[in-house]
């Protein structure tokens, strides 16, 4: 009798989802948490107040970088970066480019925009000014953006130092 062909092998079984605690305690994990908190403070501060002109770009940049950071943090925390096509095998380089090009670049631009807008609204900080004053909101967003840009610079330098030491993992 003819032999019955065996079914093709299925995909490898995946383990249960668990937190990658070593990443959470690493310098990169702690920097990511700070970036997420300060990034959220930046865009919530801008979005909660009336904004116009270049503040639209600042808000777009902050939300874009925040969402990408959230994705990097989530995949790294779950240890599932291998699921990302092409980038998963280059996860350290992906984090490096994200931090230095997107994080520092876009947050520096957004901080500059909000700092400029705060300077343009500084007259309303005077006692007795009766109209709604956006100076505090713009200044707060500018400070949060500046600190976030510094955190992205630190995490980018951390990834760069690991890369220069010929290490391939983010931890």
Protein backbone atom coordinates (compact mmCIF):
# COMPACT_ATOMS: atom_id res chain seq x y z
CA UNK A 1 0.00 0.00 0.00
CA UNK A 2 1.19 3.57 -0.66
CA UNK A 3 2.66 5.44 2.26
CA UNK A 4 0.53 8.23 3.64
CA UNK A 5 2.48 11.51 3.48
CA UNK A 6 2.94 13.24 6.76
CA UNK A 7 1.54 16.75 7.14
CA UNK A 8 3.95 19.66 6.73
CA UNK A 9 5.48 20.88 9.95
CA UNK A 10 3.56 23.71 11.58
CA UNK A 11 4.96 26.94 12.90
CA UNK A 12 7.12 26.62 15.97
CA UNK A 13 5.18 26.75 19.19
CA UNK A 14 5.41 30.10 20.88
CA UNK A 15 5.86 30.34 24.58
CA UNK A 16 3.45 32.20 26.76
CA UNK A 17 3.76 35.94 26.92
CA UNK A 18 5.80 37.14 29.83
CA UNK A 19 7.57 40.29 30.83
CA UNK A 20 11.23 40.58 30.01
CA UNK A 21 12.16 41.85 33.49
CA UNK A 22 15.84 42.25 32.68
CA UNK A 23 14.90 44.82 30.02
CA UNK A 24 12.67 46.68 32.45
CA UNK A 25 15.58 47.02 34.91
CA UNK A 26 18.14 47.93 32.24
CA UNK A 27 19.20 51.52 31.52
CA UNK A 28 17.38 51.41 28.19
CA UNK A 29 14.14 50.21 29.79
CA UNK A 30 14.24 52.94 32.43
CA UNK A 31 15.04 55.58 29.81
CA UNK A 32 12.10 54.35 27.71
CA UNK A 33 9.76 54.77 30.67
CA UNK A 34 10.97 58.33 31.17
CA UNK A 35 10.59 59.05 27.46
CA UNK A 36 7.02 57.78 27.50
CA UNK A 37 6.07 59.83 30.56
CA UNK A 38 7.66 63.06 29.33
CA UNK A 39 6.42 62.54 25.77
CA UNK A 40 2.87 62.08 27.03
CA UNK A 41 3.22 65.17 29.21
CA UNK A 42 4.40 67.13 26.16
CA UNK A 43 1.61 66.22 23.79
CA UNK A 44 -1.15 66.24 26.40
CA UNK A 45 -0.08 69.74 27.47
CA UNK A 46 -0.14 71.00 23.90
CA UNK A 47 -3.35 69.19 22.95
CA UNK A 48 -5.21 70.38 26.04
CA UNK A 49 -4.74 74.03 25.10
CA UNK A 50 -5.57 76.10 22.09
CA UNK A 51 -2.72 75.86 19.61
CA UNK A 52 -2.11 77.14 16.11
CA UNK A 53 0.50 77.34 13.39
CA UNK A 54 3.72 75.43 13.93
CA UNK A 55 2.38 73.88 17.13
CA UNK A 56 0.50 71.46 14.87
CA UNK A 57 3.84 70.07 13.67
CA UNK A 58 5.17 69.94 17.22
CA UNK A 59 2.12 67.96 18.32
CA UNK A 60 2.39 65.64 15.30
CA UNK A 61 6.10 65.03 15.94
CA UNK A 62 5.56 64.35 19.65
CA UNK A 63 2.69 61.92 19.08
CA UNK A 64 4.52 60.11 16.28
CA UNK A 65 7.68 59.61 18.33
CA UNK A 66 5.64 58.69 21.42
CA UNK A 67 3.70 55.99 19.53
CA UNK A 68 6.87 54.54 18.01
CA UNK A 69 8.53 54.57 21.42
CA UNK A 70 5.52 52.81 22.90
CA UNK A 71 5.79 50.12 20.20
CA UNK A 72 9.55 49.66 20.81
CA UNK A 73 8.99 49.52 24.56
CA UNK A 74 6.15 47.02 24.28
CA UNK A 75 8.00 44.68 21.92
CA UNK A 76 11.16 44.88 24.01
CA UNK A 77 9.30 44.36 27.27
CA UNK A 78 7.57 41.28 25.91
CA UNK A 79 10.77 40.05 24.23
CA UNK A 80 8.96 39.81 20.89
CA UNK A 81 11.11 42.00 18.63
CA UNK A 82 11.90 38.97 16.47
CA UNK A 83 8.31 39.17 15.21
CA UNK A 84 9.05 42.44 13.39
CA UNK A 85 10.13 41.66 9.84
CA UNK A 86 13.64 42.80 8.88
CA UNK A 87 13.95 45.11 11.92
CA UNK A 88 13.73 42.34 14.52
CA UNK A 89 17.09 40.90 13.54
CA UNK A 90 18.60 44.39 13.84
CA UNK A 91 16.85 45.45 17.04
CA UNK A 92 19.78 47.31 18.58
CA UNK A 93 20.31 49.28 15.37
CA UNK A 94 16.57 49.95 15.14
CA UNK A 95 16.58 51.40 18.66
CA UNK A 96 19.70 53.44 17.88
CA UNK A 97 18.22 55.01 14.72
CA UNK A 98 14.89 55.64 16.43
CA UNK A 99 16.51 57.39 19.37
CA UNK A 100 19.03 59.55 17.55
CA UNK A 101 17.20 60.36 14.32
CA UNK A 102 13.57 60.45 15.35
CA UNK A 103 13.66 61.00 19.08
CA UNK A 104 16.35 63.65 19.33
CA UNK A 105 15.61 65.24 15.95
CA UNK A 106 11.86 65.59 16.22
CA UNK A 107 11.78 66.44 19.92
CA UNK A 108 14.48 69.08 19.46
CA UNK A 109 12.42 70.64 16.66
CA UNK A 110 9.21 70.44 18.70
CA UNK A 111 10.97 71.93 21.74
CA UNK A 112 12.29 74.78 19.64
CA UNK A 113 8.84 75.49 18.24
CA UNK A 114 7.19 75.48 21.65
CA UNK A 115 9.99 77.58 23.15
CA UNK A 116 9.57 80.12 20.38
CA UNK A 117 5.81 80.19 20.91
CA UNK A 118 6.31 80.59 24.66
CA UNK A 119 8.58 83.56 24.00
CA UNK A 120 5.95 85.12 21.75
CA UNK A 121 3.33 84.76 24.50
CA UNK A 122 5.53 85.98 27.38
CA UNK A 123 3.68 89.31 27.53
CA UNK A 124 0.58 87.61 28.91
CA UNK A 125 2.50 86.49 31.98
CA UNK A 126 2.23 90.01 33.40
CA UNK A 127 0.06 90.66 36.45
CA UNK A 128 -3.35 92.00 35.57
CA UNK A 129 -3.51 90.43 32.08
CA UNK A 130 -7.13 89.33 31.71
CA UNK A 131 -7.06 87.12 28.57
CA UNK A 132 -6.29 83.41 28.45
CA UNK A 133 -2.53 82.97 28.64
CA UNK A 134 -0.83 80.11 26.80
CA UNK A 135 2.64 81.02 28.06
CA UNK A 136 2.63 78.44 30.87
CA UNK A 137 1.38 75.64 28.62
CA UNK A 138 3.90 76.37 25.90
CA UNK A 139 6.74 76.72 28.40
CA UNK A 140 5.77 73.47 30.15
CA UNK A 141 5.63 71.63 26.83
CA UNK A 142 9.00 73.08 25.86
CA UNK A 143 10.61 71.92 29.11
CA UNK A 144 9.11 68.42 28.82
CA UNK A 145 10.25 68.21 25.20
CA UNK A 146 13.77 69.33 26.04
CA UNK A 147 14.14 66.77 28.80
CA UNK A 148 12.64 64.08 26.54
CA UNK A 149 15.14 64.97 23.80
CA UNK A 150 17.95 64.55 26.34
CA UNK A 151 16.58 61.14 27.36
CA UNK A 152 16.50 60.08 23.71
CA UNK A 153 20.09 61.27 23.35
CA UNK A 154 21.14 59.22 26.39
CA UNK A 155 19.38 56.09 25.16
CA UNK A 156 20.84 56.58 21.68
CA UNK A 157 24.32 56.89 23.16
CA UNK A 158 23.68 53.77 25.26
CA UNK A 159 22.71 51.81 22.13
CA UNK A 160 25.68 53.26 20.25
CA UNK A 161 28.09 52.20 23.00
CA UNK A 162 26.67 48.66 22.93
CA UNK A 163 27.00 48.61 19.17
CA UNK A 164 30.60 49.84 19.30
CA UNK A 165 31.43 47.08 21.80
CA UNK A 166 30.11 44.63 19.19
CA UNK A 167 27.13 43.61 21.30
CA UNK A 168 23.97 42.75 19.39
CA UNK A 169 21.33 42.81 22.13
CA UNK A 170 19.63 45.79 23.80
CA UNK A 171 20.41 44.61 27.32
